[in-house]
C-alpha atoms as a PDB file:
ATOM      1  CA  UNK A   1      16.962  -9.631  -8.882  1.00  0.00           C
ATOM      2  CA  UNK A   2      15.784  -6.159  -7.859  1.00  0.00           C
ATOM      3  CA  UNK A   3      15.662  -3.240 -10.255  1.00  0.00           C
ATOM      4  CA  UNK A   4      14.624   0.336  -9.538  1.00  0.00           C
ATOM      5  CA  UNK A   5      11.783   1.991 -11.439  1.00  0.00           C
ATOM      6  CA  UNK A   6      12.464   5.693 -11.841  1.00  0.00           C
ATOM      7  CA  UNK A   7      10.516   8.846 -12.685  1.00  0.00           C
ATOM      8  CA  UNK A   8       7.015   7.852 -11.598  1.00  0.00           C
ATOM      9  CA  UNK A   9       4.822  10.937 -11.655  1.00  0.00           C
ATOM     10  CA  UNK A  10       3.812  12.030  -8.150  1.00  0.00           C
ATOM     11  CA  UNK A  11       6.041   9.537  -6.319  1.00  0.00           C
ATOM     12  CA  UNK A  12       8.548  11.317  -4.095  1.00  0.00           C
ATOM     13  CA  UNK A  13      10.432  10.405  -0.926  1.00  0.00           C
ATOM     14  CA  UNK A  14      10.623   6.651  -1.514  1.00  0.00           C
ATOM     15  CA  UNK A  15      12.216   4.439  -4.144  1.00  0.00           C
ATOM     16  CA  UNK A  16      10.216   1.931  -6.173  1.00  0.00           C
ATOM     17  CA  UNK A  17      11.614  -1.440  -7.198  1.00  0.00           C
ATOM     18  CA  UNK A  18      10.387  -4.408  -9.182  1.00  0.00           C
ATOM     19  CA  UNK A  19      11.569  -7.851  -8.206  1.00  0.00           C
ATOM     20  CA  UNK A  20      10.945 -11.516  -8.844  1.00  0.00           C
ATOM     21  CA  UNK A  21      11.181 -12.152  -5.080  1.00  0.00           C
ATOM     22  CA  UNK A  22       7.570 -11.092  -4.508  1.00  0.00           C
ATOM     23  CA  UNK A  23       4.499 -13.148  -5.401  1.00  0.00           C
ATOM     24  CA  UNK A  24       3.065 -12.434  -8.841  1.00  0.00           C
ATOM     25  CA  UNK A  25       0.573  -9.580  -8.769  1.00  0.00           C
ATOM     26  CA  UNK A  26       1.600  -8.242  -5.392  1.00  0.00           C
ATOM     27  CA  UNK A  27       3.483  -5.358  -3.845  1.00  0.00           C
ATOM     28  CA  UNK A  28       4.625  -4.117  -0.471  1.00  0.00           C
ATOM     29  CA  UNK A  29       5.565  -0.758   0.995  1.00  0.00           C
ATOM     30  CA  UNK A  30       8.364  -0.718   3.530  1.00  0.00           C
ATOM     31  CA  UNK A  31       8.736   2.926   4.589  1.00  0.00           C
ATOM     32  CA  UNK A  32      12.334   4.059   4.910  1.00  0.00           C
ATOM     33  CA  UNK A  33      13.319   1.149   2.601  1.00  0.00           C
ATOM     34  CA  UNK A  34      11.164   1.233  -0.541  1.00  0.00           C
ATOM     35  CA  UNK A  35       8.131   0.052  -2.449  1.00  0.00           C
ATOM     36  CA  UNK A  36       8.573  -3.387  -3.989  1.00  0.00           C
ATOM     37  CA  UNK A  37       6.309  -4.770  -6.701  1.00  0.00           C
ATOM     38  CA  UNK A  38       6.356  -8.093  -8.486  1.00  0.00           C
ATOM     39  CA  UNK A  39       8.090  -8.201 -11.873  1.00  0.00           C
ATOM     40  CA  UNK A  40       5.205 -10.397 -12.992  1.00  0.00           C
ATOM     41  CA  UNK A  41       2.722  -7.511 -12.810  1.00  0.00           C
ATOM     42  CA  UNK A  42       1.457  -6.657 -16.293  1.00  0.00           C
ATOM     43  CA  UNK A  43       2.499  -3.208 -17.536  1.00  0.00           C
ATOM     44  CA  UNK A  44      -1.158  -2.078 -17.597  1.00  0.00           C
ATOM     45  CA  UNK A  45      -1.602  -2.775 -13.854  1.00  0.00           C
ATOM     46  CA  UNK A  46       1.806  -1.586 -12.655  1.00  0.00           C
ATOM     47  CA  UNK A  47       0.956   2.083 -12.088  1.00  0.00           C
ATOM     48  CA  UNK A  48      -2.179   1.259 -10.072  1.00  0.00           C
ATOM     49  CA  UNK A  49      -0.228  -1.010  -7.745  1.00  0.00           C
ATOM     50  CA  UNK A  50       2.567   1.540  -7.335  1.00  0.00           C
ATOM     51  CA  UNK A  51       0.008   4.240  -6.516  1.00  0.00           C
ATOM     52  CA  UNK A  52      -1.721   1.965  -3.991  1.00  0.00           C
ATOM     53  CA  UNK A  53       1.592   1.134  -2.288  1.00  0.00           C
ATOM     54  CA  UNK A  54       2.486   4.826  -2.329  1.00  0.00           C
ATOM     55  CA  UNK A  55      -0.771   5.358  -0.426  1.00  0.00           C
ATOM     56  CA  UNK A  56       0.731   3.230   2.357  1.00  0.00           C
ATOM     57  CA  UNK A  57       3.832   5.454   2.277  1.00  0.00           C
ATOM     58  CA  UNK A  58       1.591   8.522   2.561  1.00  0.00           C
ATOM     59  CA  UNK A  59      -0.108   6.867   5.538  1.00  0.00           C
ATOM     60  CA  UNK A  60       3.312   6.450   7.154  1.00  0.00           C
ATOM     61  CA  UNK A  61       4.328  10.011   6.322  1.00  0.00           C
ATOM     62  CA  UNK A  62       1.123  11.990   6.971  1.00  0.00           C
ATOM     63  CA  UNK A  63      -1.618   9.584   7.978  1.00  0.00           C
ATOM     64  CA  UNK A  64      -5.266  10.239   7.270  1.00  0.00           C
ATOM     65  CA  UNK A  65      -6.252  13.887   7.871  1.00  0.00           C
ATOM     66  CA  UNK A  66      -2.632  14.753   8.722  1.00  0.00           C
ATOM     67  CA  UNK A  67      -2.312  12.248  11.560  1.00  0.00           C
ATOM     68  CA  UNK A  68       0.126   9.363  11.060  1.00  0.00           C
ATOM     69  CA  UNK A  69      -0.175   6.403  13.376  1.00  0.00           C
ATOM     70  CA  UNK A  70       2.438   6.639  16.132  1.00  0.00           C
ATOM     71  CA  UNK A  71       3.567   4.175  18.740  1.00  0.00           C
ATOM     72  CA  UNK A  72       5.729   5.476  21.581  1.00  0.00           C
ATOM     73  CA  UNK A  73       6.056   8.680  19.535  1.00  0.00           C
ATOM     74  CA  UNK A  74       7.532   6.849  16.530  1.00  0.00           C
ATOM     75  CA  UNK A  75       5.979   6.959  13.057  1.00  0.00           C
ATOM     76  CA  UNK A  76       8.044   3.944  11.945  1.00  0.00           C
ATOM     77  CA  UNK A  77       6.878   1.796  14.904  1.00  0.00           C
ATOM     78  CA  UNK A  78       3.362   3.115  14.484  1.00  0.00           C
ATOM     79  CA  UNK A  79       3.269   2.209  10.816  1.00  0.00           C
ATOM     80  CA  UNK A  80       4.728  -1.277  11.094  1.00  0.00           C
ATOM     81  CA  UNK A  81       2.851  -2.307  14.257  1.00  0.00           C
ATOM     82  CA  UNK A  82      -0.481  -0.546  13.680  1.00  0.00           C
ATOM     83  CA  UNK A  83      -0.736  -0.672   9.849  1.00  0.00           C
ATOM     84  CA  UNK A  84       1.811  -3.100   8.356  1.00  0.00           C
ATOM     85  CA  UNK A  85       1.274  -6.082  10.645  1.00  0.00           C
ATOM     86  CA  UNK A  86      -2.559  -5.963  10.533  1.00  0.00           C
ATOM     87  CA  UNK A  87      -2.364  -5.742   6.723  1.00  0.00           C
ATOM     88  CA  UNK A  88       0.018  -8.705   6.564  1.00  0.00           C
ATOM     89  CA  UNK A  89      -2.003 -10.768   9.060  1.00  0.00           C
ATOM     90  CA  UNK A  90      -5.135 -10.146   6.981  1.00  0.00           C
ATOM     91  CA  UNK A  91      -3.407 -12.128   4.198  1.00  0.00           C
ATOM     92  CA  UNK A  92      -2.233 -15.115   6.285  1.00  0.00           C
ATOM     93  CA  UNK A  93      -4.566 -18.150   6.344  1.00  0.00           C
ATOM     94  CA  UNK A  94      -5.841 -19.069   9.815  1.00  0.00           C
ATOM     95  CA  UNK A  95      -4.644 -15.769  11.334  1.00  0.00           C
ATOM     96  CA  UNK A  96      -7.063 -13.971   9.016  1.00  0.00           C
ATOM     97  CA  UNK A  97      -9.898 -15.911  10.632  1.00  0.00           C
ATOM     98  CA  UNK A  98      -9.450 -13.966  13.859  1.00  0.00           C
ATOM     99  CA  UNK A  99     -12.125 -11.239  13.970  1.00  0.00           C
ATOM    100  CA  UNK A 100      -9.593  -8.380  14.130  1.00  0.00           C
ATOM    101  CA  UNK A 101      -7.852  -9.529  10.905  1.00  0.00           C
ATOM    102  CA  UNK A 102     -10.849 -10.972   9.071  1.00  0.00           C
ATOM    103  CA  UNK A 103     -12.165  -9.760   5.733  1.00  0.00           C
ATOM    104  CA  UNK A 104     -11.338  -9.360   2.074  1.00  0.00           C
ATOM    105  CA  UNK A 105      -7.875  -7.798   1.723  1.00  0.00           C
ATOM    106  CA  UNK A 106      -9.024  -5.319  -0.930  1.00  0.00           C
ATOM    107  CA  UNK A 107     -11.501  -3.813   1.536  1.00  0.00           C
ATOM    108  CA  UNK A 108      -9.517  -4.308   4.758  1.00  0.00           C
ATOM    109  CA  UNK A 109      -9.263  -1.005   6.639  1.00  0.00           C
ATOM    110  CA  UNK A 110      -5.497  -0.619   6.083  1.00  0.00           C
ATOM    111  CA  UNK A 111      -5.985  -0.959   2.328  1.00  0.00           C
ATOM    112  CA  UNK A 112      -8.936   1.462   2.213  1.00  0.00           C
ATOM    113  CA  UNK A 113      -6.755   4.048   4.018  1.00  0.00           C
ATOM    114  CA  UNK A 114      -3.966   3.613   1.463  1.00  0.00           C
ATOM    115  CA  UNK A 115      -6.419   3.858  -1.433  1.00  0.00           C
ATOM    116  CA  UNK A 116      -8.016   7.028  -0.063  1.00  0.00           C
ATOM    117  CA  UNK A 117      -4.621   8.668   0.376  1.00  0.00           C
ATOM    118  CA  UNK A 118      -3.441   7.599  -3.096  1.00  0.00           C
ATOM    119  CA  UNK A 119      -6.645   8.845  -4.705  1.00  0.00           C
ATOM    120  CA  UNK A 120      -6.339  12.250  -3.005  1.00  0.00           C
ATOM    121  CA  UNK A 121      -2.616  12.528  -3.775  1.00  0.00           C
ATOM    122  CA  UNK A 122      -2.645  11.499  -7.435  1.00  0.00           C
ATOM    123  CA  UNK A 123      -5.981  13.160  -8.289  1.00  0.00           C
ATOM    124  CA  UNK A 124      -6.294  13.525 -12.056  1.00  0.00           C
ATOM    125  CA  UNK A 125      -3.120  11.449 -12.498  1.00  0.00           C
ATOM    126  CA  UNK A 126      -4.677   8.405 -10.827  1.00  0.00           C
ATOM    127  CA  UNK A 127      -4.055   5.308 -12.966  1.00  0.00           C
ATOM    128  CA  UNK A 128      -6.850   4.239 -15.268  1.00  0.00           C
ATOM    129  CA  UNK A 129      -8.963   1.617 -13.517  1.00  0.00           C
ATOM    130  CA  UNK A 130      -7.425   2.306 -10.080  1.00  0.00           C
ATOM    131  CA  UNK A 131     -10.780   2.331  -8.290  1.00  0.00           C
ATOM    132  CA  UNK A 132     -11.886  -0.983  -9.814  1.00  0.00           C
ATOM    133  CA  UNK A 133      -8.913  -2.750  -8.238  1.00  0.00           C
ATOM    134  CA  UNK A 134      -8.405  -0.511  -5.205  1.00  0.00           C
ATOM    135  CA  UNK A 135     -11.704   0.661  -3.659  1.00  0.00           C
ATOM    136  CA  UNK A 136     -11.579   3.718  -1.422  1.00  0.00           C
ATOM    137  CA  UNK A 137     -14.763   2.919   0.506  1.00  0.00           C
ATOM    138  CA  UNK A 138     -15.637  -0.060   2.645  1.00  0.00           C
ATOM    139  CA  UNK A 139     -18.225  -2.394   1.238  1.00  0.00           C
ATOM    140  CA  UNK A 140     -20.805  -3.006   3.947  1.00  0.00           C
END
């Protein structure tokens, strides 16, 4: 079952849904389709995850410093091939052992980009505890 979450402060241009079809505690942004978060996410953590996923949408829409990733001139291809797939592959066992996809997901470059964009966009409305769960700087 999929149900839309409405009226989330600062979220515009994409719909947000909660569903039991996604692993507990997780979310995914599919630009031009929606943001999907697990129904099993506790209420206290929900806003942080939505804001993080919205950061991915902002990456699709504007990129970092006003430059979205493009592939063959397409933002949608650029996002899915250059951002979405590396992020997904970073989560898949064995594939995430390849040097290009290796590392902790929370600090993987695609996630840091989303967190930086979310932090800048939401500013003083950033969810309490956002930066504990979603760091905006790489840990060296």
